[in-house]
Amino acid sequence: MLLYLRSEVTEGNTDPNRKKSSPLEKLAMKAWKASVSGPAMLSLSNVMGRIAQMPFVRKGRLRRLPPPLSGWTRHRSFPAISSSSFRARWKKGIE
């Protein structure tokens, strides 16, 4: 099975019924790639994420989110983005 999947990737998939990625999905992947392209961009993304989550945080959890995540948060919650980065906590020795 792995050999088959690898050959599909390297030789290209010729299945005409295969669904292509939507433009929105492609845009989301490009945005993600840009946001993690380096330490400065990752830090900026974390700051922007903390600001963007403010209206949705209750007791340190994200309980209700707008679509497309509303289906997920209808039954479970996300932890809020930490107020300090992993690197900052690592430097301080906090776990």
N, C-alpha and C. Protein backbone atom coordinates (compact mmCIF):
# COMPACT_ATOMS: atom_id res chain seq x y z
N MET A 1 0.82 -1.18 0.00
CA MET A 1 0.00 0.00 0.00
C MET A 1 0.88 1.26 0.00
N LEU A 2 1.92 1.28 0.83
CA LEU A 2 2.80 2.44 0.86
C LEU A 2 3.48 2.66 -0.48
N LEU A 3 3.88 1.57 -1.12
CA LEU A 3 4.51 1.71 -2.43
C LEU A 3 3.53 2.29 -3.45
N TYR A 4 2.30 1.86 -3.37
CA TYR A 4 1.27 2.38 -4.28
C TYR A 4 1.07 3.88 -4.05
N LEU A 5 0.93 4.28 -2.79
CA LEU A 5 0.73 5.70 -2.48
C LEU A 5 1.93 6.54 -2.89
N ARG A 6 3.12 6.00 -2.67
CA ARG A 6 4.33 6.73 -3.07
C ARG A 6 4.36 6.91 -4.59
N SER A 7 4.01 5.87 -5.33
CA SER A 7 4.01 5.99 -6.79
C SER A 7 2.98 7.01 -7.24
N GLU A 8 1.84 7.08 -6.55
CA GLU A 8 0.83 8.08 -6.87
C GLU A 8 1.37 9.49 -6.71
N VAL A 9 2.12 9.70 -5.64
CA VAL A 9 2.66 11.03 -5.37
C VAL A 9 3.75 11.38 -6.38
N THR A 10 4.65 10.45 -6.64
CA THR A 10 5.78 10.76 -7.52
C THR A 10 5.39 10.82 -8.99
N GLU A 11 4.46 9.99 -9.39
CA GLU A 11 4.07 9.94 -10.80
C GLU A 11 2.84 10.78 -11.11
N GLY A 12 2.20 11.25 -10.09
CA GLY A 12 0.98 12.04 -10.29
C GLY A 12 -0.24 11.14 -10.35
N ASN A 13 -1.30 11.60 -9.78
CA ASN A 13 -2.53 10.83 -9.76
C ASN A 13 -3.29 11.07 -11.07
N THR A 14 -3.65 10.01 -11.74
CA THR A 14 -4.37 10.12 -13.01
C THR A 14 -5.86 9.84 -12.86
N ASP A 15 -6.34 9.70 -11.64
CA ASP A 15 -7.75 9.42 -11.40
C ASP A 15 -8.59 10.66 -11.71
N PRO A 16 -9.47 10.61 -12.71
CA PRO A 16 -10.26 11.80 -13.06
C PRO A 16 -11.32 12.14 -12.01
N ASN A 17 -11.66 11.18 -11.14
CA ASN A 17 -12.68 11.41 -10.11
C ASN A 17 -12.11 12.01 -8.83
N ARG A 18 -10.79 12.15 -8.78
CA ARG A 18 -10.17 12.67 -7.57
C ARG A 18 -10.52 14.14 -7.40
N LYS A 19 -10.95 14.47 -6.20
CA LYS A 19 -11.36 15.84 -5.90
C LYS A 19 -10.12 16.71 -5.68
N LYS A 20 -10.08 17.86 -6.31
CA LYS A 20 -8.97 18.79 -6.16
C LYS A 20 -9.20 19.66 -4.93
N SER A 21 -8.13 20.24 -4.42
CA SER A 21 -8.24 21.15 -3.28
C SER A 21 -9.01 22.40 -3.69
N SER A 22 -9.80 22.89 -2.77
CA SER A 22 -10.55 24.12 -3.04
C SER A 22 -9.61 25.33 -2.95
N PRO A 23 -9.97 26.42 -3.58
CA PRO A 23 -9.14 27.63 -3.48
C PRO A 23 -9.00 28.11 -2.03
N LEU A 24 -10.05 27.93 -1.22
CA LEU A 24 -9.99 28.32 0.18
C LEU A 24 -8.97 27.48 0.95
N GLU A 25 -8.96 26.17 0.66
CA GLU A 25 -7.99 25.28 1.31
C GLU A 25 -6.56 25.66 0.90
N LYS A 26 -6.37 25.96 -0.37
CA LYS A 26 -5.04 26.37 -0.83
C LYS A 26 -4.60 27.67 -0.15
N LEU A 27 -5.52 28.61 -0.02
CA LEU A 27 -5.22 29.88 0.64
C LEU A 27 -4.88 29.65 2.12
N ALA A 28 -5.63 28.77 2.78
CA ALA A 28 -5.36 28.46 4.19
C ALA A 28 -3.98 27.84 4.36
N MET A 29 -3.60 26.95 3.47
CA MET A 29 -2.28 26.32 3.55
C MET A 29 -1.16 27.33 3.31
N LYS A 30 -1.37 28.26 2.38
CA LYS A 30 -0.36 29.31 2.13
C LYS A 30 -0.24 30.22 3.35
N ALA A 31 -1.36 30.55 3.97
CA ALA A 31 -1.33 31.40 5.17
C ALA A 31 -0.61 30.69 6.31
N TRP A 32 -0.90 29.41 6.49
CA TRP A 32 -0.21 28.65 7.53
C TRP A 32 1.29 28.60 7.27
N LYS A 33 1.67 28.34 6.03
CA LYS A 33 3.09 28.27 5.67
C LYS A 33 3.79 29.60 5.99
N ALA A 34 3.14 30.70 5.65
CA ALA A 34 3.73 32.01 5.93
C ALA A 34 3.83 32.26 7.43
N SER A 35 2.83 31.80 8.19
CA SER A 35 2.81 32.08 9.63
C SER A 35 3.85 31.29 10.41
N VAL A 36 4.35 30.21 9.85
CA VAL A 36 5.37 29.40 10.56
C VAL A 36 6.70 29.41 9.82
N SER A 37 6.89 30.38 8.94
CA SER A 37 8.09 30.41 8.10
C SER A 37 9.36 30.78 8.85
N GLY A 38 9.26 31.29 10.03
CA GLY A 38 10.45 31.65 10.80
C GLY A 38 10.04 32.06 12.21
N PRO A 39 11.02 32.21 13.10
CA PRO A 39 10.70 32.55 14.50
C PRO A 39 9.93 33.87 14.65
N ALA A 40 10.29 34.88 13.87
CA ALA A 40 9.61 36.17 13.98
C ALA A 40 8.15 36.06 13.54
N MET A 41 7.91 35.37 12.43
CA MET A 41 6.54 35.21 11.95
C MET A 41 5.72 34.34 12.89
N LEU A 42 6.33 33.32 13.46
CA LEU A 42 5.63 32.46 14.41
C LEU A 42 5.25 33.25 15.66
N SER A 43 6.16 34.09 16.13
CA SER A 43 5.88 34.93 17.29
C SER A 43 4.74 35.90 16.99
N LEU A 44 4.79 36.53 15.83
CA LEU A 44 3.73 37.45 15.42
C LEU A 44 2.39 36.71 15.30
N SER A 45 2.41 35.51 14.76
CA SER A 45 1.18 34.71 14.62
C SER A 45 0.59 34.39 15.99
N ASN A 46 1.45 34.08 16.95
CA ASN A 46 0.97 33.78 18.30
C ASN A 46 0.33 35.01 18.94
N VAL A 47 0.94 36.17 18.78
CA VAL A 47 0.37 37.41 19.32
C VAL A 47 -0.98 37.68 18.67
N MET A 48 -1.04 37.57 17.36
CA MET A 48 -2.30 37.81 16.65
C MET A 48 -3.37 36.79 17.05
N GLY A 49 -2.96 35.55 17.25
CA GLY A 49 -3.90 34.52 17.69
C GLY A 49 -4.46 34.80 19.07
N ARG A 50 -3.59 35.26 19.99
CA ARG A 50 -4.06 35.58 21.34
C ARG A 50 -5.07 36.73 21.30
N ILE A 51 -4.82 37.72 20.44
CA ILE A 51 -5.75 38.85 20.32
C ILE A 51 -7.07 38.38 19.69
N ALA A 52 -6.99 37.60 18.63
CA ALA A 52 -8.18 37.14 17.92
C ALA A 52 -9.07 36.23 18.77
N GLN A 53 -8.48 35.51 19.72
CA GLN A 53 -9.27 34.57 20.52
C GLN A 53 -10.00 35.24 21.68
N MET A 54 -9.63 36.48 22.02
CA MET A 54 -10.18 37.15 23.21
C MET A 54 -11.71 37.10 23.33
N PRO A 55 -12.46 37.36 22.26
CA PRO A 55 -13.93 37.32 22.43
C PRO A 55 -14.49 35.92 22.72
N PHE A 56 -13.71 34.90 22.48
CA PHE A 56 -14.21 33.53 22.60
C PHE A 56 -13.73 32.79 23.85
N VAL A 57 -12.78 33.36 24.59
CA VAL A 57 -12.18 32.67 25.74
C VAL A 57 -13.05 32.84 26.97
N ARG A 58 -13.36 31.73 27.61
CA ARG A 58 -14.06 31.70 28.89
C ARG A 58 -13.35 30.71 29.79
N LYS A 59 -12.83 31.19 30.91
CA LYS A 59 -12.12 30.35 31.88
C LYS A 59 -10.98 29.56 31.24
N GLY A 60 -10.24 30.22 30.36
CA GLY A 60 -9.08 29.59 29.74
C GLY A 60 -9.38 28.59 28.63
N ARG A 61 -10.62 28.52 28.21
CA ARG A 61 -11.02 27.57 27.16
C ARG A 61 -11.77 28.31 26.05
N LEU A 62 -11.65 27.77 24.85
CA LEU A 62 -12.42 28.26 23.71
C LEU A 62 -13.61 27.31 23.55
N ARG A 63 -14.79 27.77 23.98
CA ARG A 63 -15.94 26.88 24.02
C ARG A 63 -16.79 26.94 22.75
N ARG A 64 -16.99 28.10 22.20
CA ARG A 64 -17.80 28.26 20.98
C ARG A 64 -17.01 29.08 19.98
N LEU A 65 -16.79 28.52 18.82
CA LEU A 65 -16.06 29.21 17.76
C LEU A 65 -16.93 29.33 16.53
N PRO A 66 -16.65 30.31 15.68
CA PRO A 66 -17.42 30.44 14.44
C PRO A 66 -17.05 29.35 13.45
N PRO A 67 -17.87 29.16 12.41
CA PRO A 67 -17.54 28.17 11.38
C PRO A 67 -16.18 28.47 10.77
N PRO A 68 -15.45 27.49 10.40
CA PRO A 68 -15.77 26.07 10.26
C PRO A 68 -15.51 25.26 11.53
N LEU A 69 -15.11 25.91 12.62
CA LEU A 69 -14.79 25.17 13.85
C LEU A 69 -15.99 25.00 14.77
N SER A 70 -17.13 25.56 14.42
CA SER A 70 -18.30 25.49 15.29
C SER A 70 -18.80 24.07 15.49
N GLY A 71 -18.66 23.23 14.48
CA GLY A 71 -19.07 21.84 14.63
C GLY A 71 -18.24 21.11 15.67
N TRP A 72 -16.96 21.42 15.72
CA TRP A 72 -16.06 20.80 16.70
C TRP A 72 -16.37 21.32 18.10
N THR A 73 -16.51 22.64 18.25
CA THR A 73 -16.69 23.20 19.58
C THR A 73 -18.12 23.05 20.10
N ARG A 74 -19.00 22.51 19.31
CA ARG A 74 -20.34 22.21 19.81
C ARG A 74 -20.28 21.11 20.87
N HIS A 75 -19.27 20.23 20.77
CA HIS A 75 -19.18 19.08 21.66
C HIS A 75 -17.93 19.05 22.53
N ARG A 76 -16.94 19.90 22.22
CA ARG A 76 -15.70 19.92 23.00
C ARG A 76 -15.10 21.31 22.93
N SER A 77 -14.13 21.56 23.79
CA SER A 77 -13.52 22.89 23.79
C SER A 77 -12.02 22.79 23.54
N PHE A 78 -11.45 23.90 23.10
CA PHE A 78 -10.01 24.00 22.88
C PHE A 78 -9.39 24.74 24.06
N PRO A 79 -8.15 24.43 24.39
CA PRO A 79 -7.46 25.30 25.35
C PRO A 79 -7.12 26.62 24.65
N ALA A 80 -7.18 27.70 25.40
CA ALA A 80 -6.83 29.00 24.83
C ALA A 80 -5.33 29.04 24.55
N ILE A 81 -4.93 29.90 23.61
CA ILE A 81 -3.51 30.08 23.32
C ILE A 81 -2.86 30.68 24.56
N SER A 82 -1.74 30.15 24.96
CA SER A 82 -1.05 30.58 26.17
C SER A 82 -0.65 32.05 26.08
N SER A 83 -0.63 32.71 27.23
CA SER A 83 -0.23 34.12 27.25
C SER A 83 1.27 34.30 27.08
N SER A 84 2.03 33.22 27.24
CA SER A 84 3.48 33.30 26.99
C SER A 84 3.87 32.17 26.05
N SER A 85 4.91 32.41 25.28
CA SER A 85 5.34 31.41 24.29
C SER A 85 6.07 30.26 24.97
N PHE A 86 6.19 29.16 24.25
CA PHE A 86 6.93 28.01 24.76
C PHE A 86 8.37 28.40 25.05
N ARG A 87 8.97 29.16 24.16
CA ARG A 87 10.37 29.56 24.35
C ARG A 87 10.54 30.40 25.61
N ALA A 88 9.60 31.29 25.87
CA ALA A 88 9.67 32.12 27.08
C ALA A 88 9.54 31.25 28.33
N ARG A 89 8.62 30.29 28.31
CA ARG A 89 8.46 29.39 29.46
C ARG A 89 9.69 28.51 29.63
N TRP A 90 10.28 28.07 28.54
CA TRP A 90 11.48 27.23 28.60
C TRP A 90 12.63 27.99 29.24
N LYS A 91 12.80 29.27 28.85
CA LYS A 91 13.87 30.09 29.43
C LYS A 91 13.68 30.28 30.93
N LYS A 92 12.43 30.42 31.37
CA LYS A 92 12.14 30.61 32.78
C LYS A 92 12.17 29.30 33.56
N GLY A 93 12.13 28.18 32.88
CA GLY A 93 12.14 26.89 33.55
C GLY A 93 10.76 26.44 33.99
N ILE A 94 9.72 27.08 33.48
CA ILE A 94 8.35 26.70 33.82
C ILE A 94 7.90 25.60 32.87
N GLU A 95 7.28 24.59 33.39
CA GLU A 95 6.80 23.48 32.55
C GLU A 95 5.46 23.77 31.97
